[in-house]
Each structure stands twice: as C-alpha cells, then as structure tokens.
Amino acid sequence: MTDNKKNSAVDLANTAIYDIDKEWIGKSFSKAAETYEEVAVVQKEVAARLIERLELVQLKPEIILDVGSGTGFCSRLLEKQYKKSSIVSLDLSHAMLKYTRKKEGFLKRFNSPHTYVCGDAERLPVGDETIDMIISSLALQWCDLESVFAGFRRTIKPGGLLMFSTMGPDTLKELRHAWAKADGYAHVSAFIDMHDIGDALMRAGFSDPVMDVETITVTYPTVKKLMHDLKAIGSRNALEGRGKGLMGKQRLNKMIEAYEKLRKDGVLPATYEVVYGHAWVPEEGVAPSNIENSFPIPVRQK
C-alpha cells in the first residue's frame, strides 16, 4: 500500500462527515435482524476464518466476550470450540440479541454457556480484568478505535487475548467511486488502514499486535442487488455526512451508470478488504480504573 493511499484513508477517517451516527446504525441493524443471516455471506465466511485462527492459540479462556455479536453466528462457533467457556454476546442492537436467543432455542437455554448484553462497544459495561478473551468479527468499523481498544485493554485479564476482524480502506471501493460521480455526499465509510489499527493497539497498551489483510471479491448481477443485500445486513449509510433527504432517482441512476462501467463477464464486482488482528494484554502492568454499572458475568459450571 502506498503512503498516499494510507494517508488518504486516515484523512478521510478524521473528517467529521465520516463520523458514525451510532443511533442510526443501531436502528439499521435492528431492522435487519430477521434478514441478516440470509445474505451475510462475507460476514459468515470472515467469522469462520477468524475462529479458525484460534486453533493456533494456546489459551483456555474461562470467559469470552463476543463484541458486536449480531445474530450470534460467531458466538455459536465459539461455543463449539470452547465447550467449557462462558460466552458473553454483546451487541448494540437489542433486536439482534433477541434473534440470537430465538436461534438458540428455548430448551437449550437452561444449560446455555451464553449471556446476552445489549451495550456499546465503545462503553463496555464490563468490570476491569474480567475477560480472558475478546472476539470481534466485522464490528469495529462502526466504532471509534481509540475508545474501543481502551475499553478492551481495561476489561481483558493480564495474559488475555484480543482477536478481531474489521474492514480496510478498499472495502466497497467500487460503490464509493460510483457515488462520487453522482453527488457530493458521503455514502461509504472511510475504513481505517491496518497499520493505523496496529498503532492504535499499541497506544492502548496491548503487546505483540499482529495484523494481516485479505481481499474478498463478491459479484452481483445488478447494483440494486448489492444495495439490497447491504440493507438486509443492516449496512446502511450511517455517516454523519450522509444526505438526510430523500434519494432522487436522477442521482441514483447516475451512480448506477458509473458502477455499470465496471461490469465484466456479466457481473459487477464488490470488494471487501478484510483486516485481521490480534494482540495480547501484558502479564504485568497497571490496570485502568474501574467503571460503575458493570454487569456480573456468570461462570459456566464445569
């Protein structure tokens, strides 16, 4: 990645119009709770690849926190891999958590390893040094990383692990460029470069951060199908700089016309740049101060 591209991504991320409207994103994901898993192909694949990486980790966590758990796909994978662990599924959307509980089934809840918490990743309602491992799959792109990593560092026990995936700057680059031809509003988030994510981990007090990236390209028959699927997973435009009025047909058609220029072999590409990262909390160090109103985490009986 060139320095110009990296700096461009950082500049965009620090521009006010690219700030995330958390209330709007919460509502968007709540509306998508019932349709999410039908179309979340990339999200499921990334979650599976993230959990596969844990096979190389020599850690037996007592308590695992799944941040941005959504409909619980990643939490269910964790349950299979860590049968003796207590799993806390945390999400900003109450509707997503409700769907997860429904998916789990009524009878299974009596011996479930799960606890469900509706909360903001930037303000974790979790006590200091209470979590052995935090997992977060494709949720951090909706958050302020400095706030999130500070909270993660505070809540993970010494010797504990943070493992996550998020979106990189090239994600949905085709859609971003097509909209740029149509109007002056921000339609696609300015995702953060993996090098800057690694730096943020170090500032938060994590040790030995490891970052890597891969590109997944999904093809669509039409632009409208892409937009339908993004809406179905709750990935609506939640930027502060989005246009607040109704979308004019002229602007939409202009964007579609620009996107159509990328058609090849009868389909349209949509790029997802997936950033993976993990880091450890040092065995020794000064713990951040406690917070109030943290929820009690039940430890699963062995």
C-alpha atoms as a PDB file:
ATOM      1  CA  MET A   1       0.000   0.000   0.000  1.00  0.00           C
ATOM      2  CA  THR A   2       1.401   3.396  -0.952  1.00  0.00           C
ATOM      3  CA  ASP A   3       1.865   6.187   1.559  1.00  0.00           C
ATOM      4  CA  ASN A   4      -0.564   8.359  -0.412  1.00  0.00           C
ATOM      5  CA  LYS A   5      -3.295   5.755  -0.175  1.00  0.00           C
ATOM      6  CA  LYS A   6      -2.646   5.213   3.514  1.00  0.00           C
ATOM      7  CA  ASN A   7      -2.664   8.934   4.290  1.00  0.00           C
ATOM      8  CA  SER A   8      -5.818   9.407   2.261  1.00  0.00           C
ATOM      9  CA  ALA A   9      -7.613   6.767   4.317  1.00  0.00           C
ATOM     10  CA  VAL A  10      -6.506   8.376   7.564  1.00  0.00           C
ATOM     11  CA  ASP A  11      -7.525  11.850   6.403  1.00  0.00           C
ATOM     12  CA  LEU A  12     -10.961  10.609   5.455  1.00  0.00           C
ATOM     13  CA  ALA A  13     -11.400   8.812   8.744  1.00  0.00           C
ATOM     14  CA  ASN A  14     -10.595  12.010  10.635  1.00  0.00           C
ATOM     15  CA  THR A  15     -13.085  14.077   8.651  1.00  0.00           C
ATOM     16  CA  ALA A  16     -16.287  14.883  10.532  1.00  0.00           C
ATOM     17  CA  ILE A  17     -18.576  13.768   7.716  1.00  0.00           C
ATOM     18  CA  TYR A  18     -17.213  10.241   8.144  1.00  0.00           C
ATOM     19  CA  ASP A  19     -18.154  10.052  11.830  1.00  0.00           C
ATOM     20  CA  ILE A  20     -20.601   7.245  12.569  1.00  0.00           C
ATOM     21  CA  ASP A  21     -24.122   8.013  13.742  1.00  0.00           C
ATOM     22  CA  LYS A  22     -24.354   5.302  16.419  1.00  0.00           C
ATOM     23  CA  GLU A  23     -28.078   5.724  16.984  1.00  0.00           C
ATOM     24  CA  TRP A  24     -28.749   5.285  13.274  1.00  0.00           C
ATOM     25  CA  ILE A  25     -26.523   2.219  12.961  1.00  0.00           C
ATOM     26  CA  GLY A  26     -28.259   0.640  15.952  1.00  0.00           C
ATOM     27  CA  LYS A  27     -31.641   1.154  14.308  1.00  0.00           C
ATOM     28  CA  SER A  28     -30.348  -0.165  10.982  1.00  0.00           C
ATOM     29  CA  PHE A  29     -29.088  -3.416  12.477  1.00  0.00           C
ATOM     30  CA  SER A  30     -32.266  -3.838  14.494  1.00  0.00           C
ATOM     31  CA  LYS A  31     -34.304  -3.619  11.291  1.00  0.00           C
ATOM     32  CA  ALA A  32     -32.011  -6.205   9.681  1.00  0.00           C
ATOM     33  CA  ALA A  33     -32.181  -8.792  12.478  1.00  0.00           C
ATOM     34  CA  GLU A  34     -34.549 -11.132  10.649  1.00  0.00           C
ATOM     35  CA  THR A  35     -32.858 -10.865   7.234  1.00  0.00           C
ATOM     36  CA  TYR A  36     -29.192 -10.689   8.206  1.00  0.00           C
ATOM     37  CA  GLU A  37     -28.165 -14.335   8.040  1.00  0.00           C
ATOM     38  CA  GLU A  38     -29.834 -14.900   4.667  1.00  0.00           C
ATOM     39  CA  VAL A  39     -27.416 -12.584   2.865  1.00  0.00           C
ATOM     40  CA  ALA A  40     -24.421 -12.239   5.220  1.00  0.00           C
ATOM     41  CA  VAL A  41     -22.165 -14.439   3.089  1.00  0.00           C
ATOM     42  CA  VAL A  42     -18.998 -12.413   3.582  1.00  0.00           C
ATOM     43  CA  GLN A  43     -19.700 -11.856   7.276  1.00  0.00           C
ATOM     44  CA  LYS A  44     -20.140 -15.581   7.945  1.00  0.00           C
ATOM     45  CA  GLU A  45     -17.036 -16.502   5.978  1.00  0.00           C
ATOM     46  CA  VAL A  46     -14.899 -13.940   7.788  1.00  0.00           C
ATOM     47  CA  ALA A  47     -16.208 -15.078  11.183  1.00  0.00           C
ATOM     48  CA  ALA A  48     -15.347 -18.683  10.324  1.00  0.00           C
ATOM     49  CA  ARG A  49     -11.834 -17.726   9.226  1.00  0.00           C
ATOM     50  CA  LEU A  50     -11.360 -15.677  12.387  1.00  0.00           C
ATOM     51  CA  ILE A  51     -12.337 -18.586  14.625  1.00  0.00           C
ATOM     52  CA  GLU A  52     -10.045 -20.922  12.664  1.00  0.00           C
ATOM     53  CA  ARG A  53      -7.120 -18.740  13.718  1.00  0.00           C
ATOM     54  CA  LEU A  54      -7.829 -19.589  17.336  1.00  0.00           C
ATOM     55  CA  GLU A  55      -6.719 -23.159  16.687  1.00  0.00           C
ATOM     56  CA  LEU A  56      -3.133 -21.886  16.897  1.00  0.00           C
ATOM     57  CA  VAL A  57      -3.711 -20.101  20.209  1.00  0.00           C
ATOM     58  CA  GLN A  58      -2.702 -21.872  23.414  1.00  0.00           C
ATOM     59  CA  LEU A  59      -5.295 -20.322  25.691  1.00  0.00           C
ATOM     60  CA  LYS A  60      -8.114 -21.877  27.687  1.00  0.00           C
ATOM     61  CA  PRO A  61     -10.433 -18.949  28.357  1.00  0.00           C
ATOM     62  CA  GLU A  62     -12.925 -19.112  31.168  1.00  0.00           C
ATOM     63  CA  ILE A  63     -14.921 -16.127  29.867  1.00  0.00           C
ATOM     64  CA  ILE A  64     -15.113 -14.977  26.229  1.00  0.00           C
ATOM     65  CA  LEU A  65     -16.711 -11.694  25.158  1.00  0.00           C
ATOM     66  CA  ASP A  66     -18.067 -11.547  21.593  1.00  0.00           C
ATOM     67  CA  VAL A  67     -18.295  -7.839  20.767  1.00  0.00           C
ATOM     68  CA  GLY A  68     -20.727  -6.926  18.007  1.00  0.00           C
ATOM     69  CA  SER A  69     -22.186 -10.425  18.134  1.00  0.00           C
ATOM     70  CA  GLY A  70     -25.055  -9.665  15.753  1.00  0.00           C
ATOM     71  CA  THR A  71     -27.236 -12.708  15.201  1.00  0.00           C
ATOM     72  CA  GLY A  72     -24.804 -14.895  17.140  1.00  0.00           C
ATOM     73  CA  PHE A  73     -23.033 -16.691  14.293  1.00  0.00           C
ATOM     74  CA  CYS A  74     -19.570 -16.123  15.766  1.00  0.00           C
ATOM     75  CA  SER A  75     -20.783 -16.915  19.296  1.00  0.00           C
ATOM     76  CA  ARG A  76     -22.117 -20.273  18.114  1.00  0.00           C
ATOM     77  CA  LEU A  77     -18.742 -21.109  16.558  1.00  0.00           C
ATOM     78  CA  LEU A  78     -17.045 -20.160  19.811  1.00  0.00           C
ATOM     79  CA  GLU A  79     -19.384 -22.400  21.759  1.00  0.00           C
ATOM     80  CA  LYS A  80     -18.349 -25.382  19.632  1.00  0.00           C
ATOM     81  CA  GLN A  81     -14.644 -24.676  20.017  1.00  0.00           C
ATOM     82  CA  TYR A  82     -14.680 -23.719  23.710  1.00  0.00           C
ATOM     83  CA  LYS A  83     -17.182 -26.090  25.276  1.00  0.00           C
ATOM     84  CA  LYS A  84     -16.119 -25.255  28.847  1.00  0.00           C
ATOM     85  CA  SER A  85     -16.126 -21.469  28.436  1.00  0.00           C
ATOM     86  CA  SER A  86     -18.779 -18.924  29.367  1.00  0.00           C
ATOM     87  CA  ILE A  87     -19.632 -16.762  26.365  1.00  0.00           C
ATOM     88  CA  VAL A  88     -20.986 -13.223  26.580  1.00  0.00           C
ATOM     89  CA  SER A  89     -22.653 -11.971  23.391  1.00  0.00           C
ATOM     90  CA  LEU A  90     -22.700  -8.162  23.308  1.00  0.00           C
ATOM     91  CA  ASP A  91     -24.375  -6.087  20.636  1.00  0.00           C
ATOM     92  CA  LEU A  92     -25.683  -2.563  20.197  1.00  0.00           C
ATOM     93  CA  SER A  93     -28.963  -3.914  18.792  1.00  0.00           C
ATOM     94  CA  HIS A  94     -31.480  -5.472  21.167  1.00  0.00           C
ATOM     95  CA  ALA A  95     -33.293  -7.000  18.159  1.00  0.00           C
ATOM     96  CA  MET A  96     -30.101  -8.809  17.103  1.00  0.00           C
ATOM     97  CA  LEU A  97     -29.698 -10.293  20.585  1.00  0.00           C
ATOM     98  CA  LYS A  98     -33.356 -11.293  20.645  1.00  0.00           C
ATOM     99  CA  TYR A  99     -32.862 -13.117  17.337  1.00  0.00           C
ATOM    100  CA  THR A 100     -29.795 -14.884  18.775  1.00  0.00           C
ATOM    101  CA  ARG A 101     -31.763 -16.139  21.753  1.00  0.00           C
ATOM    102  CA  LYS A 102     -34.526 -17.361  19.469  1.00  0.00           C
ATOM    103  CA  LYS A 103     -31.951 -19.147  17.318  1.00  0.00           C
ATOM    104  CA  GLU A 104     -30.534 -20.830  20.401  1.00  0.00           C
ATOM    105  CA  GLY A 105     -33.888 -22.382  21.259  1.00  0.00           C
ATOM    106  CA  PHE A 106     -35.938 -22.386  24.437  1.00  0.00           C
ATOM    107  CA  LEU A 107     -34.862 -25.745  25.862  1.00  0.00           C
ATOM    108  CA  LYS A 108     -31.161 -25.212  25.227  1.00  0.00           C
ATOM    109  CA  ARG A 109     -31.112 -22.018  27.294  1.00  0.00           C
ATOM    110  CA  PHE A 110     -31.358 -23.962  30.536  1.00  0.00           C
ATOM    111  CA  ASN A 111     -27.785 -25.228  30.025  1.00  0.00           C
ATOM    112  CA  SER A 112     -26.510 -22.470  27.801  1.00  0.00           C
ATOM    113  CA  PRO A 113     -22.979 -21.041  28.041  1.00  0.00           C
ATOM    114  CA  HIS A 114     -24.338 -17.713  26.809  1.00  0.00           C
ATOM    115  CA  THR A 115     -25.065 -14.406  28.461  1.00  0.00           C
ATOM    116  CA  TYR A 116     -26.657 -11.672  26.327  1.00  0.00           C
ATOM    117  CA  VAL A 117     -25.841  -8.000  26.866  1.00  0.00           C
ATOM    118  CA  CYS A 118     -27.133  -5.018  24.900  1.00  0.00           C
ATOM    119  CA  GLY A 119     -24.334  -2.462  25.014  1.00  0.00           C
ATOM    120  CA  ASP A 120     -21.978  -0.182  23.114  1.00  0.00           C
ATOM    121  CA  ALA A 121     -18.512  -1.498  22.249  1.00  0.00           C
ATOM    122  CA  GLU A 122     -17.110   1.958  22.986  1.00  0.00           C
ATOM    123  CA  ARG A 123     -18.502   1.902  26.532  1.00  0.00           C
ATOM    124  CA  LEU A 124     -18.295  -1.702  27.649  1.00  0.00           C
ATOM    125  CA  PRO A 125     -20.457  -2.441  30.721  1.00  0.00           C
ATOM    126  CA  VAL A 126     -17.806  -4.864  31.929  1.00  0.00           C
ATOM    127  CA  GLY A 127     -15.576  -4.769  35.020  1.00  0.00           C
ATOM    128  CA  ASP A 128     -11.804  -4.417  34.885  1.00  0.00           C
ATOM    129  CA  GLU A 129      -9.788  -7.552  34.078  1.00  0.00           C
ATOM    130  CA  THR A 130     -12.820  -9.849  33.977  1.00  0.00           C
ATOM    131  CA  ILE A 131     -12.489 -11.256  30.433  1.00  0.00           C
ATOM    132  CA  ASP A 132      -9.986 -13.838  29.229  1.00  0.00           C
ATOM    133  CA  MET A 133     -10.597 -13.304  25.525  1.00  0.00           C
ATOM    134  CA  ILE A 134     -12.412 -10.739  23.384  1.00  0.00           C
ATOM    135  CA  ILE A 135     -13.509 -11.694  19.882  1.00  0.00           C
ATOM    136  CA  SER A 136     -14.990  -9.184  17.453  1.00  0.00           C
ATOM    137  CA  SER A 137     -15.828 -10.008  13.852  1.00  0.00           C
ATOM    138  CA  LEU A 138     -16.616  -7.150  11.457  1.00  0.00           C
ATOM    139  CA  ALA A 139     -17.965  -4.763  14.070  1.00  0.00           C
ATOM    140  CA  LEU A 140     -15.086  -2.400  14.821  1.00  0.00           C
ATOM    141  CA  GLN A 141     -15.540  -0.488  11.558  1.00  0.00           C
ATOM    142  CA  TRP A 142     -18.600   1.097  13.174  1.00  0.00           C
ATOM    143  CA  CYS A 143     -16.625   2.318  16.192  1.00  0.00           C
ATOM    144  CA  ASP A 144     -14.031   4.809  17.341  1.00  0.00           C
ATOM    145  CA  LEU A 145     -10.964   2.596  17.670  1.00  0.00           C
ATOM    146  CA  GLU A 146      -9.284   4.619  20.399  1.00  0.00           C
ATOM    147  CA  SER A 147     -12.322   4.268  22.676  1.00  0.00           C
ATOM    148  CA  VAL A 148     -12.876   0.623  21.806  1.00  0.00           C
ATOM    149  CA  PHE A 149      -9.282  -0.508  22.335  1.00  0.00           C
ATOM    150  CA  ALA A 150      -9.039   1.396  25.621  1.00  0.00           C
ATOM    151  CA  GLY A 151     -12.125  -0.461  26.842  1.00  0.00           C
ATOM    152  CA  PHE A 152     -10.835  -3.799  25.588  1.00  0.00           C
ATOM    153  CA  ARG A 153      -7.492  -3.236  27.317  1.00  0.00           C
ATOM    154  CA  ARG A 154      -9.250  -2.403  30.567  1.00  0.00           C
ATOM    155  CA  THR A 155     -11.505  -5.445  30.602  1.00  0.00           C
ATOM    156  CA  ILE A 156      -9.128  -8.194  29.442  1.00  0.00           C
ATOM    157  CA  LYS A 157      -7.173 -10.013  32.138  1.00  0.00           C
ATOM    158  CA  PRO A 158      -3.343  -9.932  32.117  1.00  0.00           C
ATOM    159  CA  GLY A 159      -2.214 -12.576  29.639  1.00  0.00           C
ATOM    160  CA  GLY A 160      -5.569 -12.398  27.837  1.00  0.00           C
ATOM    161  CA  LEU A 161      -6.165 -12.145  24.101  1.00  0.00           C
ATOM    162  CA  LEU A 162      -7.952  -9.793  21.709  1.00  0.00           C
ATOM    163  CA  MET A 163      -8.735 -11.173  18.263  1.00  0.00           C
ATOM    164  CA  PHE A 164     -10.774  -9.300  15.668  1.00  0.00           C
ATOM    165  CA  SER A 165     -11.581  -8.640  12.055  1.00  0.00           C
ATOM    166  CA  THR A 166     -12.651  -5.356  10.520  1.00  0.00           C
ATOM    167  CA  MET A 167     -12.899  -3.656   7.143  1.00  0.00           C
ATOM    168  CA  GLY A 168      -9.983  -1.958   5.381  1.00  0.00           C
ATOM    169  CA  PRO A 169      -9.962   1.151   3.130  1.00  0.00           C
ATOM    170  CA  ASP A 170     -10.626  -0.707  -0.140  1.00  0.00           C
ATOM    171  CA  THR A 171     -13.941  -2.116   1.113  1.00  0.00           C
ATOM    172  CA  LEU A 172     -16.756  -1.251  -1.309  1.00  0.00           C
ATOM    173  CA  LYS A 173     -14.369   0.961  -3.256  1.00  0.00           C
ATOM    174  CA  GLU A 174     -16.456   0.461  -6.394  1.00  0.00           C
ATOM    175  CA  LEU A 175     -19.591   1.755  -4.692  1.00  0.00           C
ATOM    176  CA  ARG A 176     -17.708   4.694  -3.179  1.00  0.00           C
ATOM    177  CA  HIS A 177     -16.301   5.748  -6.532  1.00  0.00           C
ATOM    178  CA  ALA A 178     -19.651   5.354  -8.286  1.00  0.00           C
ATOM    179  CA  TRP A 179     -21.378   7.558  -5.722  1.00  0.00           C
ATOM    180  CA  ALA A 180     -18.600  10.137  -6.096  1.00  0.00           C
ATOM    181  CA  LYS A 181     -19.704  10.503  -9.717  1.00  0.00           C
ATOM    182  CA  ALA A 182     -23.309  11.082  -8.639  1.00  0.00           C
ATOM    183  CA  ASP A 183     -23.204  13.617  -5.783  1.00  0.00           C
ATOM    184  CA  GLY A 184     -21.042  15.205  -3.109  1.00  0.00           C
ATOM    185  CA  TYR A 185     -22.317  13.244  -0.127  1.00  0.00           C
ATOM    186  CA  ALA A 186     -20.519  10.505   1.782  1.00  0.00           C
ATOM    187  CA  HIS A 187     -22.122   7.113   1.159  1.00  0.00           C
ATOM    188  CA  VAL A 188     -19.414   4.617   2.180  1.00  0.00           C
ATOM    189  CA  SER A 189     -17.363   4.690   5.367  1.00  0.00           C
ATOM    190  CA  ALA A 190     -13.659   5.593   5.281  1.00  0.00           C
ATOM    191  CA  PHE A 191     -12.322   2.386   6.788  1.00  0.00           C
ATOM    192  CA  ILE A 192      -9.004   2.508   8.643  1.00  0.00           C
ATOM    193  CA  ASP A 193      -5.727   1.110   7.281  1.00  0.00           C
ATOM    194  CA  MET A 194      -4.339  -1.914   9.127  1.00  0.00           C
ATOM    195  CA  HIS A 195      -1.097  -0.117  10.028  1.00  0.00           C
ATOM    196  CA  ASP A 196      -3.065   2.562  11.852  1.00  0.00           C
ATOM    197  CA  ILE A 197      -5.099  -0.103  13.629  1.00  0.00           C
ATOM    198  CA  GLY A 198      -1.888  -1.710  14.825  1.00  0.00           C
ATOM    199  CA  ASP A 199      -0.640   1.667  16.084  1.00  0.00           C
ATOM    200  CA  ALA A 200      -3.922   2.174  17.958  1.00  0.00           C
ATOM    201  CA  LEU A 201      -3.458  -1.197  19.669  1.00  0.00           C
ATOM    202  CA  MET A 202       0.000  -0.169  20.866  1.00  0.00           C
ATOM    203  CA  ARG A 203      -1.289   3.163  22.184  1.00  0.00           C
ATOM    204  CA  ALA A 204      -3.972   1.305  24.130  1.00  0.00           C
ATOM    205  CA  GLY A 205      -1.331  -0.794  25.878  1.00  0.00           C
ATOM    206  CA  PHE A 206      -1.586  -4.089  24.005  1.00  0.00           C
ATOM    207  CA  SER A 207       1.555  -6.065  23.243  1.00  0.00           C
ATOM    208  CA  ASP A 208       2.712  -8.053  20.216  1.00  0.00           C
ATOM    209  CA  PRO A 209      -0.007  -6.916  17.782  1.00  0.00           C
ATOM    210  CA  VAL A 210      -0.146  -8.935  14.564  1.00  0.00           C
ATOM    211  CA  MET A 211      -2.052  -7.601  11.554  1.00  0.00           C
ATOM    212  CA  ASP A 212      -2.758  -9.015   8.126  1.00  0.00           C
ATOM    213  CA  VAL A 213      -5.211  -8.375   5.320  1.00  0.00           C
ATOM    214  CA  GLU A 214      -7.007 -10.251   2.566  1.00  0.00           C
ATOM    215  CA  THR A 215      -9.320  -9.219  -0.245  1.00  0.00           C
ATOM    216  CA  ILE A 216     -12.652 -10.901  -0.925  1.00  0.00           C
ATOM    217  CA  THR A 217     -14.490 -10.002  -4.120  1.00  0.00           C
ATOM    218  CA  VAL A 218     -18.209 -10.723  -4.368  1.00  0.00           C
ATOM    219  CA  THR A 219     -20.052 -10.392  -7.658  1.00  0.00           C
ATOM    220  CA  TYR A 220     -23.595  -9.147  -8.187  1.00  0.00           C
ATOM    221  CA  PRO A 221     -25.922  -9.215 -11.194  1.00  0.00           C
ATOM    222  CA  THR A 222     -27.033  -5.614 -10.589  1.00  0.00           C
ATOM    223  CA  VAL A 223     -26.181  -2.625  -8.421  1.00  0.00           C
ATOM    224  CA  LYS A 224     -29.661  -2.797  -6.906  1.00  0.00           C
ATOM    225  CA  LYS A 225     -28.982  -6.360  -5.729  1.00  0.00           C
ATOM    226  CA  LEU A 226     -25.813  -5.174  -3.992  1.00  0.00           C
ATOM    227  CA  MET A 227     -27.688  -2.344  -2.300  1.00  0.00           C
ATOM    228  CA  HIS A 228     -30.498  -4.720  -1.311  1.00  0.00           C
ATOM    229  CA  ASP A 229     -28.041  -7.097   0.363  1.00  0.00           C
ATOM    230  CA  LEU A 230     -26.254  -4.274   2.184  1.00  0.00           C
ATOM    231  CA  LYS A 231     -29.595  -3.085   3.513  1.00  0.00           C
ATOM    232  CA  ALA A 232     -30.556  -6.642   4.511  1.00  0.00           C
ATOM    233  CA  ILE A 233     -27.486  -6.950   6.760  1.00  0.00           C
ATOM    234  CA  GLY A 234     -28.039  -3.519   8.297  1.00  0.00           C
ATOM    235  CA  SER A 235     -25.118  -1.929   6.472  1.00  0.00           C
ATOM    236  CA  ARG A 236     -26.917   1.284   5.620  1.00  0.00           C
ATOM    237  CA  ASN A 237     -25.302   4.676   5.274  1.00  0.00           C
ATOM    238  CA  ALA A 238     -24.775   5.709   8.909  1.00  0.00           C
ATOM    239  CA  LEU A 239     -22.304   8.523   8.257  1.00  0.00           C
ATOM    240  CA  GLU A 240     -22.880  11.931   9.790  1.00  0.00           C
ATOM    241  CA  GLY A 241     -22.165  13.428   6.357  1.00  0.00           C
ATOM    242  CA  ARG A 242     -24.843  11.415   4.552  1.00  0.00           C
ATOM    243  CA  GLY A 243     -27.608  13.187   2.685  1.00  0.00           C
ATOM    244  CA  LYS A 244     -30.571  13.411   5.060  1.00  0.00           C
ATOM    245  CA  GLY A 245     -33.254  13.966   2.423  1.00  0.00           C
ATOM    246  CA  LEU A 246     -34.937  11.550   0.045  1.00  0.00           C
ATOM    247  CA  MET A 247     -32.754   9.942  -2.610  1.00  0.00           C
ATOM    248  CA  GLY A 248     -33.518  11.420  -6.031  1.00  0.00           C
ATOM    249  CA  LYS A 249     -33.933   8.998  -8.923  1.00  0.00           C
ATOM    250  CA  GLN A 250     -31.569  11.065 -11.042  1.00  0.00           C
ATOM    251  CA  ARG A 251     -28.699  10.718  -8.559  1.00  0.00           C
ATOM    252  CA  LEU A 252     -29.342   7.019  -8.112  1.00  0.00           C
ATOM    253  CA  ASN A 253     -29.347   6.402 -11.847  1.00  0.00           C
ATOM    254  CA  LYS A 254     -26.131   8.406 -12.245  1.00  0.00           C
ATOM    255  CA  MET A 255     -24.443   6.230  -9.608  1.00  0.00           C
ATOM    256  CA  ILE A 256     -25.690   3.044 -11.265  1.00  0.00           C
ATOM    257  CA  GLU A 257     -24.435   4.259 -14.629  1.00  0.00           C
ATOM    258  CA  ALA A 258     -20.966   4.836 -13.168  1.00  0.00           C
ATOM    259  CA  TYR A 259     -20.940   1.433 -11.467  1.00  0.00           C
ATOM    260  CA  GLU A 260     -22.048  -0.328 -14.662  1.00  0.00           C
ATOM    261  CA  LYS A 261     -18.776   0.658 -16.292  1.00  0.00           C
ATOM    262  CA  LEU A 262     -17.116  -1.965 -14.059  1.00  0.00           C
ATOM    263  CA  ARG A 263     -19.241  -4.825 -15.386  1.00  0.00           C
ATOM    264  CA  LYS A 264     -17.162  -7.750 -16.572  1.00  0.00           C
ATOM    265  CA  ASP A 265     -18.267 -11.193 -17.714  1.00  0.00           C
ATOM    266  CA  GLY A 266     -21.846 -10.210 -16.992  1.00  0.00           C
ATOM    267  CA  VAL A 267     -21.392  -9.330 -13.308  1.00  0.00           C
ATOM    268  CA  LEU A 268     -20.402  -6.384 -11.114  1.00  0.00           C
ATOM    269  CA  PRO A 269     -17.599  -6.650  -8.505  1.00  0.00           C
ATOM    270  CA  ALA A 270     -17.816  -5.558  -4.877  1.00  0.00           C
ATOM    271  CA  THR A 271     -14.539  -5.562  -2.980  1.00  0.00           C
ATOM    272  CA  TYR A 272     -14.193  -6.319   0.717  1.00  0.00           C
ATOM    273  CA  GLU A 273     -10.766  -5.647   2.212  1.00  0.00           C
ATOM    274  CA  VAL A 274     -10.737  -7.672   5.423  1.00  0.00           C
ATOM    275  CA  VAL A 275      -8.242  -6.793   8.140  1.00  0.00           C
ATOM    276  CA  TYR A 276      -7.438  -9.400  10.793  1.00  0.00           C
ATOM    277  CA  GLY A 277      -5.636  -8.608  14.001  1.00  0.00           C
ATOM    278  CA  HIS A 278      -4.751  -9.999  17.390  1.00  0.00           C
ATOM    279  CA  ALA A 279      -2.845  -8.724  20.382  1.00  0.00           C
ATOM    280  CA  TRP A 280      -2.183  -9.684  23.980  1.00  0.00           C
ATOM    281  CA  VAL A 281      -2.553  -7.912  27.290  1.00  0.00           C
ATOM    282  CA  PRO A 282       0.820  -7.980  29.075  1.00  0.00           C
ATOM    283  CA  GLU A 283       1.126 -10.285  32.037  1.00  0.00           C
ATOM    284  CA  GLU A 284       2.166  -7.351  34.207  1.00  0.00           C
ATOM    285  CA  GLY A 285       1.048  -3.753  34.027  1.00  0.00           C
ATOM    286  CA  VAL A 286      -1.058  -1.057  35.618  1.00  0.00           C
ATOM    287  CA  ALA A 287      -4.775  -1.747  35.170  1.00  0.00           C
ATOM    288  CA  PRO A 288      -7.036   1.163  34.176  1.00  0.00           C
ATOM    289  CA  SER A 289      -9.546   2.431  36.736  1.00  0.00           C
ATOM    290  CA  ASN A 290     -12.849   0.664  37.411  1.00  0.00           C
ATOM    291  CA  ILE A 291     -16.158   1.715  35.893  1.00  0.00           C
ATOM    292  CA  GLU A 292     -19.557   1.635  37.500  1.00  0.00           C
ATOM    293  CA  ASN A 293     -22.658  -0.300  36.453  1.00  0.00           C
ATOM    294  CA  SER A 294     -20.805  -3.300  35.051  1.00  0.00           C
ATOM    295  CA  PHE A 295     -22.867  -6.458  34.702  1.00  0.00           C
ATOM    296  CA  PRO A 296     -21.940  -9.627  36.624  1.00  0.00           C
ATOM    297  CA  ILE A 297     -20.588 -12.381  34.357  1.00  0.00           C
ATOM    298  CA  PRO A 298     -21.753 -15.863  35.327  1.00  0.00           C
ATOM    299  CA  VAL A 299     -19.058 -18.502  35.030  1.00  0.00           C
ATOM    300  CA  ARG A 300     -20.270 -21.709  33.478  1.00  0.00           C
ATOM    301  CA  GLN A 301     -20.256 -24.654  35.838  1.00  0.00           C
ATOM    302  CA  LYS A 302     -17.791 -27.293  34.687  1.00  0.00           C
END
